[in-house]
Amino acid sequence: TFSKRVKFLFAMLRKSSDDLFVFSIVLMVVYLSFGTVAYIVFNNDIHDFRTYQNAVVNLVRFTVTQPPYDELIHSNRIFGSIFFTVWSFIMLLILANVFIAILSDAYSEVINNLPPEEKGNILGKIFEGTLVHRTLQRISTFTKADQNEDGQISVKELGDAMQINEEKAKQILEEYDTNKDGHLDAEEYHAMQN
């Protein structure tokens, strides 16, 4: 049980290793870029940015804590506000969501490659009934149905996924295809499942 969960976790990390490597490079570039700006603009006024190395190290710290907003504004009202806003937006809204998407995709791939008898036993009991579990199941179901991996479900793919004939699949597709493009995107597919 414990070893199966650990194996699952390592399988997930193995699947996402390339993406996580690229993500870490992008993250390092963001740290270095913001560190350079922080050092150039705020090094005389803010102790956290007094040297380039301190600026980069403190930005890593500011990933989990709040940057010194009052000191930034006191140092330079315009650049302080812009720096704080852009830093918060990039770190919280963009990079955090990309990291979650990478892990969710890896989870979906690993779950799809497991034998059916093991699928419910790995992490299902931990997340069972939660929003995370339902979301990951939807991603997994859509990914499995999207055979050609184009991000849309065709009539044939819908028929194969639901094990119905193409005529019935076409009727279902027409009912839930809100943008009338002849395919179901992820949102339309999930609406169909509810």
N, C-alpha and C. Protein backbone atom coordinates (compact mmCIF):
# COMPACT_ATOMS: atom_id res chain seq x y z
N THR A 1 0.82 -1.20 0.00
CA THR A 1 0.00 0.00 0.00
C THR A 1 0.87 1.26 0.00
N PHE A 2 1.73 1.40 1.02
CA PHE A 2 2.60 2.57 1.05
C PHE A 2 3.56 2.55 -0.12
N SER A 3 4.14 1.37 -0.38
CA SER A 3 5.12 1.29 -1.47
C SER A 3 4.45 1.52 -2.83
N LYS A 4 3.19 1.13 -2.99
CA LYS A 4 2.47 1.39 -4.24
C LYS A 4 2.28 2.90 -4.44
N ARG A 5 1.98 3.59 -3.36
CA ARG A 5 1.81 5.04 -3.46
C ARG A 5 3.12 5.73 -3.79
N VAL A 6 4.20 5.25 -3.18
CA VAL A 6 5.51 5.83 -3.46
C VAL A 6 5.91 5.54 -4.91
N LYS A 7 5.65 4.32 -5.36
CA LYS A 7 5.95 3.97 -6.76
C LYS A 7 5.14 4.85 -7.70
N PHE A 8 3.88 5.08 -7.35
CA PHE A 8 3.02 5.92 -8.17
C PHE A 8 3.57 7.35 -8.22
N LEU A 9 3.99 7.86 -7.06
CA LEU A 9 4.55 9.21 -7.01
C LEU A 9 5.80 9.32 -7.87
N PHE A 10 6.69 8.33 -7.79
CA PHE A 10 7.90 8.37 -8.59
C PHE A 10 7.59 8.19 -10.08
N ALA A 11 6.58 7.40 -10.39
CA ALA A 11 6.16 7.26 -11.80
C ALA A 11 5.64 8.59 -12.32
N MET A 12 4.90 9.30 -11.49
CA MET A 12 4.38 10.61 -11.86
C MET A 12 5.53 11.59 -12.10
N LEU A 13 6.50 11.58 -11.20
CA LEU A 13 7.65 12.48 -11.34
C LEU A 13 8.50 12.11 -12.56
N ARG A 14 8.60 10.81 -12.84
CA ARG A 14 9.34 10.36 -14.02
C ARG A 14 8.66 10.84 -15.29
N LYS A 15 7.32 10.73 -15.33
CA LYS A 15 6.56 11.17 -16.52
C LYS A 15 6.70 12.68 -16.74
N SER A 16 6.77 13.42 -15.65
CA SER A 16 6.80 14.87 -15.78
C SER A 16 8.21 15.45 -15.69
N SER A 17 9.23 14.61 -15.66
CA SER A 17 10.60 15.10 -15.43
C SER A 17 11.06 16.08 -16.50
N ASP A 18 10.78 15.79 -17.76
CA ASP A 18 11.19 16.72 -18.82
C ASP A 18 10.50 18.08 -18.68
N ASP A 19 9.20 18.03 -18.45
CA ASP A 19 8.45 19.27 -18.28
C ASP A 19 8.89 20.03 -17.03
N LEU A 20 9.16 19.29 -15.95
CA LEU A 20 9.62 19.95 -14.74
C LEU A 20 11.00 20.57 -14.92
N PHE A 21 11.84 19.92 -15.72
CA PHE A 21 13.16 20.48 -16.00
C PHE A 21 13.03 21.81 -16.75
N VAL A 22 12.20 21.82 -17.78
CA VAL A 22 11.97 23.06 -18.53
C VAL A 22 11.34 24.12 -17.63
N PHE A 23 10.40 23.70 -16.80
CA PHE A 23 9.77 24.63 -15.85
C PHE A 23 10.81 25.23 -14.91
N SER A 24 11.74 24.41 -14.42
CA SER A 24 12.76 24.93 -13.49
C SER A 24 13.69 25.93 -14.19
N ILE A 25 13.97 25.70 -15.48
CA ILE A 25 14.79 26.66 -16.23
C ILE A 25 14.03 27.99 -16.36
N VAL A 26 12.76 27.91 -16.71
CA VAL A 26 11.95 29.13 -16.83
C VAL A 26 11.88 29.85 -15.47
N LEU A 27 11.70 29.08 -14.41
CA LEU A 27 11.64 29.66 -13.07
C LEU A 27 12.96 30.36 -12.73
N MET A 28 14.08 29.74 -13.08
CA MET A 28 15.38 30.35 -12.81
C MET A 28 15.55 31.64 -13.60
N VAL A 29 15.11 31.64 -14.85
CA VAL A 29 15.17 32.87 -15.65
C VAL A 29 14.33 33.97 -15.02
N VAL A 30 13.17 33.61 -14.52
CA VAL A 30 12.31 34.61 -13.86
C VAL A 30 13.00 35.16 -12.62
N TYR A 31 13.58 34.28 -11.80
CA TYR A 31 14.30 34.73 -10.61
C TYR A 31 15.45 35.66 -10.98
N LEU A 32 16.24 35.27 -11.96
CA LEU A 32 17.39 36.08 -12.36
C LEU A 32 16.95 37.43 -12.95
N SER A 33 15.90 37.41 -13.75
CA SER A 33 15.40 38.65 -14.35
C SER A 33 14.88 39.61 -13.29
N PHE A 34 14.03 39.10 -12.41
CA PHE A 34 13.49 39.96 -11.36
C PHE A 34 14.59 40.36 -10.38
N GLY A 35 15.55 39.47 -10.15
CA GLY A 35 16.68 39.81 -9.28
C GLY A 35 17.49 40.96 -9.84
N THR A 36 17.70 40.94 -11.15
CA THR A 36 18.43 42.02 -11.81
C THR A 36 17.68 43.34 -11.67
N VAL A 37 16.41 43.31 -11.96
CA VAL A 37 15.60 44.53 -11.85
C VAL A 37 15.58 45.02 -10.41
N ALA A 38 15.38 44.13 -9.46
CA ALA A 38 15.32 44.52 -8.04
C ALA A 38 16.65 45.13 -7.59
N TYR A 39 17.75 44.53 -8.01
CA TYR A 39 19.06 45.05 -7.63
C TYR A 39 19.29 46.44 -8.24
N ILE A 40 19.00 46.59 -9.51
CA ILE A 40 19.25 47.87 -10.19
C ILE A 40 18.38 48.99 -9.62
N VAL A 41 17.11 48.70 -9.40
CA VAL A 41 16.17 49.75 -9.00
C VAL A 41 16.17 50.00 -7.48
N PHE A 42 16.29 48.94 -6.68
CA PHE A 42 16.06 49.08 -5.23
C PHE A 42 17.28 48.85 -4.35
N ASN A 43 18.47 48.64 -4.91
CA ASN A 43 19.61 48.24 -4.08
C ASN A 43 20.01 49.27 -3.03
N ASN A 44 19.80 50.55 -3.26
CA ASN A 44 20.20 51.58 -2.29
C ASN A 44 19.22 51.72 -1.13
N ASP A 45 17.96 51.33 -1.35
CA ASP A 45 16.94 51.61 -0.34
C ASP A 45 16.45 50.37 0.42
N ILE A 46 16.50 49.22 -0.21
CA ILE A 46 15.90 48.03 0.41
C ILE A 46 17.00 47.03 0.74
N HIS A 47 17.07 46.67 2.01
CA HIS A 47 18.12 45.79 2.51
C HIS A 47 18.10 44.41 1.80
N ASP A 48 16.93 43.91 1.48
CA ASP A 48 16.80 42.59 0.83
C ASP A 48 17.43 42.57 -0.56
N PHE A 49 17.60 43.73 -1.19
CA PHE A 49 18.12 43.80 -2.55
C PHE A 49 19.47 44.52 -2.62
N ARG A 50 20.22 44.57 -1.54
CA ARG A 50 21.46 45.34 -1.48
C ARG A 50 22.57 44.78 -2.36
N THR A 51 22.59 43.47 -2.61
CA THR A 51 23.51 42.87 -3.58
C THR A 51 22.70 42.03 -4.55
N TYR A 52 23.31 41.71 -5.69
CA TYR A 52 22.61 40.91 -6.69
C TYR A 52 22.26 39.53 -6.13
N GLN A 53 23.22 38.91 -5.43
CA GLN A 53 22.97 37.58 -4.85
C GLN A 53 21.84 37.63 -3.84
N ASN A 54 21.84 38.66 -2.98
CA ASN A 54 20.75 38.81 -2.01
C ASN A 54 19.41 39.01 -2.70
N ALA A 55 19.42 39.76 -3.78
CA ALA A 55 18.17 40.01 -4.51
C ALA A 55 17.59 38.70 -5.03
N VAL A 56 18.43 37.87 -5.66
CA VAL A 56 17.94 36.59 -6.21
C VAL A 56 17.49 35.65 -5.09
N VAL A 57 18.31 35.54 -4.04
CA VAL A 57 17.96 34.64 -2.93
C VAL A 57 16.67 35.10 -2.25
N ASN A 58 16.52 36.40 -2.06
CA ASN A 58 15.30 36.89 -1.42
C ASN A 58 14.08 36.73 -2.32
N LEU A 59 14.25 36.78 -3.62
CA LEU A 59 13.11 36.51 -4.50
C LEU A 59 12.67 35.07 -4.39
N VAL A 60 13.61 34.16 -4.20
CA VAL A 60 13.23 32.76 -3.94
C VAL A 60 12.41 32.70 -2.65
N ARG A 61 12.86 33.43 -1.65
CA ARG A 61 12.11 33.49 -0.38
C ARG A 61 10.73 34.10 -0.59
N PHE A 62 10.65 35.12 -1.46
CA PHE A 62 9.38 35.79 -1.70
C PHE A 62 8.41 34.94 -2.52
N THR A 63 8.86 33.78 -2.97
CA THR A 63 7.95 32.86 -3.64
C THR A 63 6.91 32.36 -2.64
N VAL A 64 7.31 32.17 -1.39
CA VAL A 64 6.39 31.66 -0.38
C VAL A 64 5.99 32.70 0.66
N THR A 65 6.67 33.86 0.65
CA THR A 65 6.29 34.95 1.55
C THR A 65 5.99 36.18 0.69
N GLN A 66 5.54 37.21 1.33
CA GLN A 66 5.19 38.43 0.60
C GLN A 66 6.41 39.34 0.48
N PRO A 67 6.64 39.91 -0.71
CA PRO A 67 7.72 40.89 -0.85
C PRO A 67 7.43 42.12 0.02
N PRO A 68 8.45 42.88 0.38
CA PRO A 68 8.25 44.05 1.27
C PRO A 68 7.57 45.20 0.53
N TYR A 69 6.26 45.13 0.43
CA TYR A 69 5.50 46.11 -0.35
C TYR A 69 5.75 47.54 0.13
N ASP A 70 5.70 47.76 1.44
CA ASP A 70 5.88 49.12 1.97
C ASP A 70 7.26 49.67 1.61
N GLU A 71 8.29 48.83 1.71
CA GLU A 71 9.64 49.28 1.36
C GLU A 71 9.75 49.57 -0.14
N LEU A 72 9.11 48.75 -0.96
CA LEU A 72 9.14 48.97 -2.40
C LEU A 72 8.49 50.30 -2.76
N ILE A 73 7.35 50.58 -2.17
CA ILE A 73 6.62 51.82 -2.45
C ILE A 73 7.41 53.02 -1.92
N HIS A 74 8.01 52.86 -0.75
CA HIS A 74 8.79 53.96 -0.17
C HIS A 74 10.03 54.25 -1.02
N SER A 75 10.63 53.22 -1.59
CA SER A 75 11.82 53.39 -2.42
C SER A 75 11.49 54.08 -3.74
N ASN A 76 10.46 53.59 -4.41
CA ASN A 76 10.07 54.15 -5.71
C ASN A 76 8.61 53.79 -5.94
N ARG A 77 7.76 54.78 -5.82
CA ARG A 77 6.31 54.52 -5.86
C ARG A 77 5.87 53.82 -7.14
N ILE A 78 6.33 54.28 -8.28
CA ILE A 78 5.88 53.70 -9.56
C ILE A 78 6.49 52.32 -9.78
N PHE A 79 7.82 52.26 -9.75
CA PHE A 79 8.47 50.96 -9.99
C PHE A 79 8.17 49.95 -8.89
N GLY A 80 8.03 50.44 -7.66
CA GLY A 80 7.69 49.54 -6.55
C GLY A 80 6.34 48.87 -6.77
N SER A 81 5.36 49.66 -7.17
CA SER A 81 4.01 49.10 -7.43
C SER A 81 4.03 48.14 -8.61
N ILE A 82 4.71 48.54 -9.68
CA ILE A 82 4.78 47.69 -10.86
C ILE A 82 5.51 46.39 -10.54
N PHE A 83 6.64 46.49 -9.85
CA PHE A 83 7.43 45.31 -9.50
C PHE A 83 6.60 44.34 -8.66
N PHE A 84 5.95 44.85 -7.62
CA PHE A 84 5.15 44.01 -6.74
C PHE A 84 4.00 43.33 -7.49
N THR A 85 3.30 44.09 -8.32
CA THR A 85 2.15 43.56 -9.05
C THR A 85 2.57 42.51 -10.07
N VAL A 86 3.59 42.82 -10.86
CA VAL A 86 4.03 41.88 -11.89
C VAL A 86 4.62 40.62 -11.24
N TRP A 87 5.41 40.78 -10.19
CA TRP A 87 5.97 39.62 -9.49
C TRP A 87 4.86 38.72 -8.97
N SER A 88 3.89 39.30 -8.29
CA SER A 88 2.78 38.51 -7.73
C SER A 88 2.00 37.82 -8.83
N PHE A 89 1.73 38.54 -9.90
CA PHE A 89 0.95 37.96 -11.01
C PHE A 89 1.69 36.80 -11.65
N ILE A 90 2.96 36.98 -11.97
CA ILE A 90 3.72 35.92 -12.65
C ILE A 90 3.90 34.71 -11.74
N MET A 91 4.27 34.93 -10.50
CA MET A 91 4.55 33.81 -9.61
C MET A 91 3.28 33.06 -9.23
N LEU A 92 2.26 33.78 -8.86
CA LEU A 92 1.06 33.12 -8.34
C LEU A 92 0.15 32.62 -9.45
N LEU A 93 -0.16 33.46 -10.38
CA LEU A 93 -1.15 33.10 -11.37
C LEU A 93 -0.60 32.27 -12.53
N ILE A 94 0.61 32.54 -12.94
CA ILE A 94 1.12 31.85 -14.11
C ILE A 94 1.95 30.63 -13.72
N LEU A 95 3.05 30.85 -13.01
CA LEU A 95 3.96 29.74 -12.74
C LEU A 95 3.35 28.68 -11.83
N ALA A 96 2.60 29.08 -10.84
CA ALA A 96 1.97 28.09 -9.96
C ALA A 96 0.98 27.23 -10.74
N ASN A 97 0.22 27.84 -11.62
CA ASN A 97 -0.75 27.07 -12.42
C ASN A 97 -0.07 26.17 -13.44
N VAL A 98 1.04 26.61 -14.00
CA VAL A 98 1.79 25.76 -14.93
C VAL A 98 2.32 24.54 -14.20
N PHE A 99 2.84 24.74 -13.00
CA PHE A 99 3.36 23.63 -12.19
C PHE A 99 2.24 22.63 -11.89
N ILE A 100 1.09 23.11 -11.50
CA ILE A 100 -0.05 22.23 -11.21
C ILE A 100 -0.49 21.49 -12.47
N ALA A 101 -0.51 22.18 -13.61
CA ALA A 101 -0.90 21.54 -14.87
C ALA A 101 0.07 20.43 -15.26
N ILE A 102 1.36 20.64 -15.05
CA ILE A 102 2.36 19.61 -15.36
C ILE A 102 2.11 18.37 -14.51
N LEU A 103 1.88 18.56 -13.22
CA LEU A 103 1.65 17.41 -12.34
C LEU A 103 0.31 16.74 -12.64
N SER A 104 -0.70 17.51 -12.97
CA SER A 104 -2.01 16.92 -13.31
C SER A 104 -1.92 16.08 -14.58
N ASP A 105 -1.20 16.56 -15.56
CA ASP A 105 -1.02 15.81 -16.80
C ASP A 105 -0.27 14.51 -16.54
N ALA A 106 0.78 14.57 -15.73
CA ALA A 106 1.54 13.37 -15.41
C ALA A 106 0.67 12.38 -14.63
N TYR A 107 -0.14 12.88 -13.71
CA TYR A 107 -1.06 12.03 -12.95
C TYR A 107 -2.01 11.30 -13.89
N SER A 108 -2.56 12.05 -14.82
CA SER A 108 -3.50 11.48 -15.79
C SER A 108 -2.84 10.38 -16.62
N GLU A 109 -1.62 10.64 -17.10
CA GLU A 109 -0.92 9.64 -17.91
C GLU A 109 -0.61 8.38 -17.11
N VAL A 110 -0.14 8.55 -15.88
CA VAL A 110 0.21 7.39 -15.06
C VAL A 110 -1.04 6.59 -14.72
N ILE A 111 -2.12 7.26 -14.38
CA ILE A 111 -3.38 6.56 -14.07
C ILE A 111 -3.87 5.78 -15.29
N ASN A 112 -3.78 6.38 -16.47
CA ASN A 112 -4.24 5.69 -17.68
C ASN A 112 -3.41 4.47 -18.01
N ASN A 113 -2.15 4.44 -17.60
CA ASN A 113 -1.27 3.31 -17.89
C ASN A 113 -1.34 2.21 -16.84
N LEU A 114 -2.06 2.43 -15.75
CA LEU A 114 -2.18 1.40 -14.71
C LEU A 114 -3.19 0.34 -15.11
N PRO A 115 -2.99 -0.88 -14.65
CA PRO A 115 -4.03 -1.90 -14.87
C PRO A 115 -5.31 -1.49 -14.12
N PRO A 116 -6.47 -1.88 -14.63
CA PRO A 116 -7.74 -1.44 -14.03
C PRO A 116 -7.87 -1.76 -12.54
N GLU A 117 -7.34 -2.88 -12.10
CA GLU A 117 -7.50 -3.26 -10.69
C GLU A 117 -6.67 -2.37 -9.75
N GLU A 118 -5.65 -1.70 -10.28
CA GLU A 118 -4.81 -0.85 -9.43
C GLU A 118 -5.24 0.60 -9.45
N LYS A 119 -6.05 1.02 -10.40
CA LYS A 119 -6.38 2.43 -10.56
C LYS A 119 -7.01 3.04 -9.32
N GLY A 120 -7.91 2.33 -8.68
CA GLY A 120 -8.59 2.90 -7.53
C GLY A 120 -7.80 2.82 -6.24
N ASN A 121 -6.72 2.07 -6.22
CA ASN A 121 -6.02 1.82 -4.96
C ASN A 121 -4.86 2.76 -4.69
N ILE A 122 -4.37 3.46 -5.67
CA ILE A 122 -3.14 4.23 -5.47
C ILE A 122 -3.41 5.50 -4.66
N LEU A 123 -3.86 6.53 -5.29
CA LEU A 123 -4.13 7.78 -4.58
C LEU A 123 -5.61 8.07 -4.48
N GLY A 124 -6.41 7.20 -5.07
CA GLY A 124 -7.85 7.42 -5.07
C GLY A 124 -8.45 7.54 -3.69
N LYS A 125 -7.96 6.77 -2.76
CA LYS A 125 -8.51 6.80 -1.41
C LYS A 125 -8.18 8.10 -0.69
N ILE A 126 -7.04 8.68 -1.02
CA ILE A 126 -6.66 9.94 -0.38
C ILE A 126 -7.56 11.07 -0.88
N PHE A 127 -7.76 11.12 -2.20
CA PHE A 127 -8.50 12.23 -2.81
C PHE A 127 -9.98 11.91 -3.04
N GLU A 128 -10.41 10.72 -2.73
CA GLU A 128 -11.76 10.28 -3.06
C GLU A 128 -12.81 11.26 -2.54
N GLY A 129 -13.69 11.67 -3.45
CA GLY A 129 -14.78 12.55 -3.09
C GLY A 129 -14.41 14.03 -3.08
N THR A 130 -13.16 14.35 -3.29
CA THR A 130 -12.75 15.75 -3.27
C THR A 130 -12.83 16.35 -4.67
N LEU A 131 -12.76 17.65 -4.74
CA LEU A 131 -12.77 18.36 -6.02
C LEU A 131 -11.55 17.97 -6.85
N VAL A 132 -10.40 17.79 -6.19
CA VAL A 132 -9.18 17.38 -6.90
C VAL A 132 -9.40 16.04 -7.60
N HIS A 133 -9.99 15.09 -6.90
CA HIS A 133 -10.22 13.76 -7.46
C HIS A 133 -11.16 13.82 -8.66
N ARG A 134 -12.26 14.56 -8.51
CA ARG A 134 -13.21 14.67 -9.61
C ARG A 134 -12.59 15.36 -10.82
N THR A 135 -11.80 16.39 -10.58
CA THR A 135 -11.14 17.11 -11.68
C THR A 135 -10.15 16.21 -12.39
N LEU A 136 -9.34 15.48 -11.63
CA LEU A 136 -8.35 14.59 -12.24
C LEU A 136 -9.02 13.45 -13.00
N GLN A 137 -10.15 12.97 -12.49
CA GLN A 137 -10.88 11.92 -13.22
C GLN A 137 -11.40 12.46 -14.55
N ARG A 138 -11.91 13.69 -14.54
CA ARG A 138 -12.41 14.28 -15.78
C ARG A 138 -11.29 14.46 -16.80
N ILE A 139 -10.15 14.94 -16.33
CA ILE A 139 -9.00 15.10 -17.23
C ILE A 139 -8.60 13.75 -17.80
N SER A 140 -8.55 12.75 -16.94
CA SER A 140 -8.16 11.42 -17.37
C SER A 140 -9.15 10.86 -18.38
N THR A 141 -10.45 11.01 -18.13
CA THR A 141 -11.47 10.50 -19.04
C THR A 141 -11.39 11.20 -20.39
N PHE A 142 -11.24 12.52 -20.39
CA PHE A 142 -11.15 13.27 -21.64
C PHE A 142 -9.88 12.87 -22.40
N THR A 143 -8.77 12.75 -21.71
CA THR A 143 -7.50 12.38 -22.34
C THR A 143 -7.60 11.00 -22.98
N LYS A 144 -8.26 10.09 -22.29
CA LYS A 144 -8.41 8.73 -22.82
C LYS A 144 -9.31 8.72 -24.06
N ALA A 145 -10.35 9.52 -24.04
CA ALA A 145 -11.29 9.55 -25.17
C ALA A 145 -10.69 10.25 -26.39
N ASP A 146 -9.81 11.21 -26.15
CA ASP A 146 -9.18 11.99 -27.23
C ASP A 146 -8.02 11.17 -27.81
N GLN A 147 -8.33 10.23 -28.68
CA GLN A 147 -7.36 9.27 -29.18
C GLN A 147 -6.25 9.93 -30.01
N ASN A 148 -6.58 10.92 -30.82
CA ASN A 148 -5.55 11.54 -31.66
C ASN A 148 -4.89 12.74 -30.98
N GLU A 149 -5.27 13.00 -29.72
CA GLU A 149 -4.66 14.03 -28.88
C GLU A 149 -4.68 15.43 -29.52
N ASP A 150 -5.81 15.76 -30.16
CA ASP A 150 -5.92 17.09 -30.75
C ASP A 150 -6.70 18.06 -29.87
N GLY A 151 -7.09 17.61 -28.69
CA GLY A 151 -7.82 18.48 -27.76
C GLY A 151 -9.31 18.54 -28.01
N GLN A 152 -9.80 17.69 -28.94
CA GLN A 152 -11.23 17.65 -29.25
C GLN A 152 -11.65 16.20 -29.43
N ILE A 153 -12.91 15.94 -29.15
CA ILE A 153 -13.47 14.60 -29.31
C ILE A 153 -14.35 14.59 -30.55
N SER A 154 -14.01 13.72 -31.50
CA SER A 154 -14.80 13.60 -32.73
C SER A 154 -15.93 12.59 -32.49
N VAL A 155 -16.78 12.44 -33.50
CA VAL A 155 -17.89 11.47 -33.41
C VAL A 155 -17.33 10.06 -33.21
N LYS A 156 -16.31 9.71 -33.98
CA LYS A 156 -15.72 8.37 -33.87
C LYS A 156 -15.11 8.16 -32.48
N GLU A 157 -14.37 9.16 -31.98
CA GLU A 157 -13.76 9.04 -30.66
C GLU A 157 -14.81 8.93 -29.56
N LEU A 158 -15.90 9.69 -29.70
CA LEU A 158 -16.98 9.63 -28.72
C LEU A 158 -17.64 8.25 -28.75
N GLY A 159 -17.87 7.74 -29.95
CA GLY A 159 -18.45 6.40 -30.08
C GLY A 159 -17.56 5.34 -29.46
N ASP A 160 -16.27 5.42 -29.72
CA ASP A 160 -15.33 4.45 -29.15
C ASP A 160 -15.29 4.56 -27.63
N ALA A 161 -15.25 5.79 -27.11
CA ALA A 161 -15.16 5.99 -25.66
C ALA A 161 -16.40 5.50 -24.93
N MET A 162 -17.58 5.74 -25.55
CA MET A 162 -18.83 5.35 -24.90
C MET A 162 -19.32 3.97 -25.33
N GLN A 163 -18.59 3.36 -26.27
CA GLN A 163 -18.93 2.05 -26.81
C GLN A 163 -20.35 2.03 -27.37
N ILE A 164 -20.61 3.03 -28.24
CA ILE A 164 -21.90 3.13 -28.92
C ILE A 164 -21.63 3.32 -30.41
N ASN A 165 -22.69 3.15 -31.22
CA ASN A 165 -22.48 3.32 -32.66
C ASN A 165 -22.34 4.79 -33.02
N GLU A 166 -21.86 5.06 -34.24
CA GLU A 166 -21.56 6.43 -34.64
C GLU A 166 -22.81 7.29 -34.75
N GLU A 167 -23.94 6.69 -35.10
CA GLU A 167 -25.19 7.46 -35.20
C GLU A 167 -25.60 8.01 -33.84
N LYS A 168 -25.56 7.17 -32.83
CA LYS A 168 -25.89 7.61 -31.47
C LYS A 168 -24.86 8.63 -30.97
N ALA A 169 -23.57 8.39 -31.30
CA ALA A 169 -22.51 9.33 -30.90
C ALA A 169 -22.72 10.69 -31.55
N LYS A 170 -23.18 10.68 -32.82
CA LYS A 170 -23.42 11.94 -33.53
C LYS A 170 -24.56 12.71 -32.88
N GLN A 171 -25.61 12.00 -32.44
CA GLN A 171 -26.73 12.65 -31.76
C GLN A 171 -26.26 13.30 -30.46
N ILE A 172 -25.47 12.57 -29.70
CA ILE A 172 -24.96 13.11 -28.42
C ILE A 172 -24.06 14.31 -28.69
N LEU A 173 -23.19 14.19 -29.68
CA LEU A 173 -22.27 15.28 -30.01
C LEU A 173 -23.04 16.53 -30.40
N GLU A 174 -24.05 16.38 -31.24
CA GLU A 174 -24.84 17.53 -31.67
C GLU A 174 -25.55 18.20 -30.48
N GLU A 175 -25.95 17.40 -29.51
CA GLU A 175 -26.65 17.93 -28.34
C GLU A 175 -25.72 18.78 -27.46
N TYR A 176 -24.48 18.34 -27.30
CA TYR A 176 -23.56 19.01 -26.37
C TYR A 176 -22.52 19.90 -27.05
N ASP A 177 -22.50 19.93 -28.36
CA ASP A 177 -21.54 20.76 -29.10
C ASP A 177 -22.06 22.20 -29.15
N THR A 178 -21.78 22.97 -28.12
CA THR A 178 -22.35 24.31 -27.98
C THR A 178 -21.81 25.30 -29.01
N ASN A 179 -20.57 25.12 -29.46
CA ASN A 179 -20.03 26.06 -30.46
C ASN A 179 -20.22 25.55 -31.89
N LYS A 180 -20.88 24.41 -32.04
CA LYS A 180 -21.26 23.83 -33.34
C LYS A 180 -20.07 23.67 -34.30
N ASP A 181 -18.94 23.20 -33.77
CA ASP A 181 -17.77 22.97 -34.63
C ASP A 181 -17.62 21.50 -35.03
N GLY A 182 -18.57 20.66 -34.62
CA GLY A 182 -18.53 19.25 -34.99
C GLY A 182 -17.65 18.40 -34.08
N HIS A 183 -17.13 18.99 -33.00
CA HIS A 183 -16.30 18.28 -32.04
C HIS A 183 -16.68 18.73 -30.63
N LEU A 184 -16.32 17.92 -29.64
CA LEU A 184 -16.49 18.32 -28.25
C LEU A 184 -15.14 18.72 -27.69
N ASP A 185 -15.04 19.93 -27.14
CA ASP A 185 -13.82 20.30 -26.43
C ASP A 185 -13.95 19.80 -25.00
N ALA A 186 -12.95 20.03 -24.18
CA ALA A 186 -12.95 19.50 -22.81
C ALA A 186 -14.15 20.00 -22.01
N GLU A 187 -14.48 21.28 -22.15
CA GLU A 187 -15.60 21.85 -21.40
C GLU A 187 -16.93 21.21 -21.81
N GLU A 188 -17.14 21.05 -23.10
CA GLU A 188 -18.38 20.44 -23.60
C GLU A 188 -18.44 18.96 -23.19
N TYR A 189 -17.30 18.30 -23.24
CA TYR A 189 -17.25 16.87 -22.86
C TYR A 189 -17.62 16.70 -21.39
N HIS A 190 -17.09 17.58 -20.52
CA HIS A 190 -17.39 17.49 -19.10
C HIS A 190 -18.85 17.84 -18.81
N ALA A 191 -19.41 18.77 -19.58
CA ALA A 191 -20.83 19.11 -19.44
C ALA A 191 -21.68 17.91 -19.80
N MET A 192 -21.25 17.15 -20.81
CA MET A 192 -21.97 15.95 -21.21
C MET A 192 -21.95 14.89 -20.09
N GLN A 193 -20.85 14.80 -19.38
CA GLN A 193 -20.71 13.80 -18.33
C GLN A 193 -21.56 14.11 -17.11
N ASN A 194 -21.91 15.37 -16.89
CA ASN A 194 -22.69 15.74 -15.69
C ASN A 194 -24.16 15.54 -15.86
